[in-house]
Amino acid sequence: MIIEDKTFVSIKYELRFDSAENDVVEKTTDDNPLSFIVGTGKMMPAFEQKLLNLKIKDNFNFILKPEEAYGMHNPEGIMNLSIEVFM
């Protein structure tokens, strides 16, 4: 089976900041994979694009540039909120 638009996928991955040698930022496991349907807008388009045409059990490794993901860090976009807001 090949991953294409509207394919349900479950993947296990490690997300690292900046390079393959850096610390793991996020990691899924066999027991808790990332599952979604490709092409439904749940994931970043560039991320889904990198998965297209992979087959079951394929290993993959790719880099997303900030502009392909959440964008560059913007200190003006940070807000400090009181904990009471969440209660």
N, C-alpha and C. Protein backbone atom coordinates (compact mmCIF):
# COMPACT_ATOMS: atom_id res chain seq x y z
N MET A 1 0.84 -1.18 0.00
CA MET A 1 0.00 0.00 0.00
C MET A 1 0.89 1.24 0.00
N ILE A 2 0.55 2.21 -0.81
CA ILE A 2 1.30 3.46 -0.94
C ILE A 2 0.49 4.59 -0.31
N ILE A 3 1.17 5.47 0.42
CA ILE A 3 0.50 6.61 1.02
C ILE A 3 0.17 7.61 -0.07
N GLU A 4 -1.11 7.94 -0.15
CA GLU A 4 -1.58 8.96 -1.09
C GLU A 4 -2.69 9.74 -0.41
N ASP A 5 -3.27 10.69 -1.13
CA ASP A 5 -4.34 11.52 -0.58
C ASP A 5 -5.47 10.64 -0.06
N LYS A 6 -5.99 10.96 1.12
CA LYS A 6 -7.09 10.30 1.81
C LYS A 6 -6.72 8.91 2.35
N THR A 7 -5.42 8.64 2.50
CA THR A 7 -4.97 7.40 3.12
C THR A 7 -4.89 7.59 4.63
N PHE A 8 -5.41 6.63 5.40
CA PHE A 8 -5.25 6.66 6.84
C PHE A 8 -3.86 6.12 7.16
N VAL A 9 -3.08 6.89 7.92
CA VAL A 9 -1.72 6.46 8.28
C VAL A 9 -1.52 6.51 9.79
N SER A 10 -0.68 5.63 10.28
CA SER A 10 -0.19 5.66 11.65
C SER A 10 1.32 5.58 11.55
N ILE A 11 1.99 6.59 12.08
CA ILE A 11 3.44 6.62 11.96
C ILE A 11 4.08 6.79 13.33
N LYS A 12 5.27 6.26 13.43
CA LYS A 12 6.11 6.44 14.61
C LYS A 12 7.27 7.31 14.16
N TYR A 13 7.58 8.35 14.95
CA TYR A 13 8.65 9.25 14.54
C TYR A 13 9.33 9.89 15.74
N GLU A 14 10.48 10.48 15.46
CA GLU A 14 11.20 11.33 16.41
C GLU A 14 11.37 12.70 15.77
N LEU A 15 11.00 13.73 16.51
CA LEU A 15 11.19 15.10 16.05
C LEU A 15 12.39 15.67 16.78
N ARG A 16 13.34 16.17 16.01
CA ARG A 16 14.54 16.76 16.60
C ARG A 16 14.66 18.20 16.14
N PHE A 17 15.19 19.03 17.00
CA PHE A 17 15.37 20.44 16.67
C PHE A 17 16.68 20.62 15.93
N ASP A 18 16.63 21.13 14.73
CA ASP A 18 17.79 21.58 13.96
C ASP A 18 18.57 20.48 13.26
N SER A 19 18.81 19.32 13.88
CA SER A 19 19.60 18.29 13.20
C SER A 19 19.37 16.93 13.84
N ALA A 20 19.80 15.90 13.15
CA ALA A 20 19.61 14.53 13.63
C ALA A 20 20.41 14.24 14.90
N GLU A 21 21.40 15.07 15.19
CA GLU A 21 22.23 14.85 16.37
C GLU A 21 21.66 15.52 17.62
N ASN A 22 20.75 16.45 17.46
CA ASN A 22 20.22 17.18 18.61
C ASN A 22 19.23 16.37 19.41
N ASP A 23 18.89 16.90 20.58
CA ASP A 23 17.97 16.22 21.48
C ASP A 23 16.60 16.04 20.83
N VAL A 24 15.92 14.98 21.26
CA VAL A 24 14.58 14.69 20.78
C VAL A 24 13.60 15.67 21.42
N VAL A 25 12.79 16.32 20.61
CA VAL A 25 11.77 17.27 21.08
C VAL A 25 10.46 16.53 21.31
N GLU A 26 10.14 15.59 20.44
CA GLU A 26 8.89 14.84 20.52
C GLU A 26 9.13 13.46 19.92
N LYS A 27 8.47 12.47 20.50
CA LYS A 27 8.67 11.10 20.02
C LYS A 27 7.39 10.31 20.20
N THR A 28 7.02 9.55 19.17
CA THR A 28 5.88 8.66 19.28
C THR A 28 6.40 7.24 19.46
N THR A 29 5.53 6.35 19.83
CA THR A 29 5.92 4.95 20.06
C THR A 29 5.00 4.02 19.29
N ASP A 30 5.34 2.72 19.29
CA ASP A 30 4.47 1.73 18.67
C ASP A 30 3.10 1.73 19.35
N ASP A 31 3.09 1.94 20.66
CA ASP A 31 1.84 1.95 21.42
C ASP A 31 1.03 3.23 21.24
N ASN A 32 1.69 4.30 20.83
CA ASN A 32 1.02 5.59 20.69
C ASN A 32 1.52 6.33 19.45
N PRO A 33 1.21 5.80 18.26
CA PRO A 33 1.68 6.44 17.03
C PRO A 33 0.86 7.69 16.71
N LEU A 34 1.33 8.47 15.77
CA LEU A 34 0.57 9.59 15.23
C LEU A 34 -0.31 9.01 14.12
N SER A 35 -1.62 9.17 14.24
CA SER A 35 -2.55 8.63 13.25
C SER A 35 -3.41 9.76 12.69
N PHE A 36 -3.59 9.78 11.38
CA PHE A 36 -4.39 10.80 10.72
C PHE A 36 -4.69 10.37 9.29
N ILE A 37 -5.61 11.08 8.64
CA ILE A 37 -5.92 10.84 7.24
C ILE A 37 -5.23 11.93 6.43
N VAL A 38 -4.40 11.52 5.50
CA VAL A 38 -3.65 12.46 4.66
C VAL A 38 -4.63 13.30 3.83
N GLY A 39 -4.37 14.59 3.78
CA GLY A 39 -5.14 15.48 2.94
C GLY A 39 -6.39 16.06 3.56
N THR A 40 -6.57 15.89 4.86
CA THR A 40 -7.76 16.44 5.52
C THR A 40 -7.47 17.72 6.29
N GLY A 41 -6.24 18.23 6.19
CA GLY A 41 -5.89 19.49 6.84
C GLY A 41 -5.52 19.37 8.30
N LYS A 42 -5.32 18.16 8.80
CA LYS A 42 -4.95 17.96 10.21
C LYS A 42 -3.45 18.16 10.45
N MET A 43 -2.67 17.99 9.41
CA MET A 43 -1.21 18.08 9.54
C MET A 43 -0.70 19.19 8.62
N MET A 44 0.54 19.62 8.84
CA MET A 44 1.15 20.62 7.98
C MET A 44 1.26 20.06 6.56
N PRO A 45 0.89 20.83 5.54
CA PRO A 45 0.95 20.33 4.17
C PRO A 45 2.34 19.81 3.77
N ALA A 46 3.40 20.48 4.17
CA ALA A 46 4.75 20.03 3.81
C ALA A 46 5.07 18.69 4.45
N PHE A 47 4.59 18.47 5.68
CA PHE A 47 4.79 17.19 6.36
C PHE A 47 4.09 16.08 5.58
N GLU A 48 2.84 16.31 5.21
CA GLU A 48 2.10 15.30 4.45
C GLU A 48 2.75 15.04 3.10
N GLN A 49 3.24 16.09 2.46
CA GLN A 49 3.88 15.95 1.15
C GLN A 49 5.08 15.01 1.22
N LYS A 50 5.84 15.10 2.32
CA LYS A 50 7.02 14.25 2.48
C LYS A 50 6.65 12.78 2.67
N LEU A 51 5.43 12.52 3.13
CA LEU A 51 4.98 11.13 3.35
C LEU A 51 4.42 10.48 2.09
N LEU A 52 3.96 11.31 1.15
CA LEU A 52 3.35 10.75 -0.06
C LEU A 52 4.29 9.79 -0.77
N ASN A 53 3.74 8.71 -1.25
CA ASN A 53 4.42 7.66 -2.01
C ASN A 53 5.28 6.73 -1.16
N LEU A 54 5.31 6.94 0.16
CA LEU A 54 5.97 5.96 1.02
C LEU A 54 5.08 4.72 1.12
N LYS A 55 5.71 3.58 1.41
CA LYS A 55 4.98 2.33 1.56
C LYS A 55 4.99 1.90 3.02
N ILE A 56 4.12 0.95 3.35
CA ILE A 56 4.08 0.39 4.70
C ILE A 56 5.47 -0.10 5.08
N LYS A 57 5.88 0.23 6.30
CA LYS A 57 7.17 -0.16 6.89
C LYS A 57 8.36 0.61 6.32
N ASP A 58 8.14 1.55 5.40
CA ASP A 58 9.25 2.38 4.91
C ASP A 58 9.80 3.22 6.06
N ASN A 59 11.09 3.38 6.10
CA ASN A 59 11.72 4.33 7.01
C ASN A 59 11.84 5.65 6.25
N PHE A 60 11.75 6.75 6.98
CA PHE A 60 11.85 8.04 6.33
C PHE A 60 12.61 9.01 7.23
N ASN A 61 13.19 10.00 6.61
CA ASN A 61 13.96 11.02 7.30
C ASN A 61 13.88 12.28 6.44
N PHE A 62 13.39 13.36 7.02
CA PHE A 62 13.34 14.60 6.26
C PHE A 62 13.39 15.79 7.20
N ILE A 63 13.65 16.94 6.60
CA ILE A 63 13.75 18.20 7.34
C ILE A 63 12.67 19.14 6.82
N LEU A 64 11.98 19.81 7.73
CA LEU A 64 11.05 20.87 7.37
C LEU A 64 11.67 22.20 7.77
N LYS A 65 11.69 23.14 6.86
CA LYS A 65 12.16 24.49 7.18
C LYS A 65 11.08 25.19 8.00
N PRO A 66 11.44 26.17 8.81
CA PRO A 66 10.43 26.88 9.62
C PRO A 66 9.24 27.38 8.80
N GLU A 67 9.51 27.91 7.62
CA GLU A 67 8.42 28.43 6.79
C GLU A 67 7.51 27.32 6.25
N GLU A 68 7.96 26.06 6.30
CA GLU A 68 7.12 24.92 5.91
C GLU A 68 6.32 24.37 7.09
N ALA A 69 6.64 24.87 8.28
CA ALA A 69 5.99 24.35 9.49
C ALA A 69 5.23 25.49 10.17
N TYR A 70 5.71 25.92 11.32
CA TYR A 70 4.99 26.94 12.10
C TYR A 70 5.56 28.34 11.94
N GLY A 71 6.58 28.50 11.12
CA GLY A 71 7.17 29.81 10.88
C GLY A 71 8.34 30.09 11.82
N MET A 72 8.97 31.21 11.59
CA MET A 72 10.12 31.62 12.40
C MET A 72 9.65 32.04 13.79
N HIS A 73 10.53 31.94 14.75
CA HIS A 73 10.23 32.36 16.12
C HIS A 73 9.94 33.86 16.13
N ASN A 74 8.85 34.23 16.79
CA ASN A 74 8.46 35.64 16.87
C ASN A 74 8.20 35.98 18.33
N PRO A 75 9.14 36.64 19.01
CA PRO A 75 8.96 36.97 20.42
C PRO A 75 7.72 37.82 20.68
N GLU A 76 7.26 38.59 19.70
CA GLU A 76 6.06 39.41 19.87
C GLU A 76 4.79 38.57 19.92
N GLY A 77 4.90 37.31 19.52
CA GLY A 77 3.74 36.42 19.54
C GLY A 77 3.56 35.70 20.86
N ILE A 78 4.40 35.98 21.83
CA ILE A 78 4.33 35.32 23.14
C ILE A 78 3.52 36.18 24.09
N MET A 79 2.57 35.55 24.78
CA MET A 79 1.75 36.25 25.76
C MET A 79 1.89 35.56 27.11
N ASN A 80 2.01 36.33 28.15
CA ASN A 80 1.99 35.80 29.51
C ASN A 80 0.56 35.90 30.03
N LEU A 81 0.03 34.76 30.46
CA LEU A 81 -1.32 34.72 30.98
C LEU A 81 -1.32 34.26 32.41
N SER A 82 -2.22 34.79 33.17
CA SER A 82 -2.38 34.38 34.56
C SER A 82 -2.97 32.97 34.60
N ILE A 83 -2.55 32.19 35.56
CA ILE A 83 -3.06 30.82 35.70
C ILE A 83 -4.58 30.79 35.90
N GLU A 84 -5.12 31.86 36.44
CA GLU A 84 -6.56 31.93 36.68
C GLU A 84 -7.37 31.85 35.37
N VAL A 85 -6.77 32.23 34.27
CA VAL A 85 -7.44 32.16 32.97
C VAL A 85 -7.82 30.73 32.64
N PHE A 86 -7.07 29.76 33.14
CA PHE A 86 -7.27 28.35 32.81
C PHE A 86 -8.12 27.61 33.83
N MET A 87 -8.59 28.31 34.85
CA MET A 87 -9.38 27.64 35.89
C MET A 87 -10.86 27.83 35.67
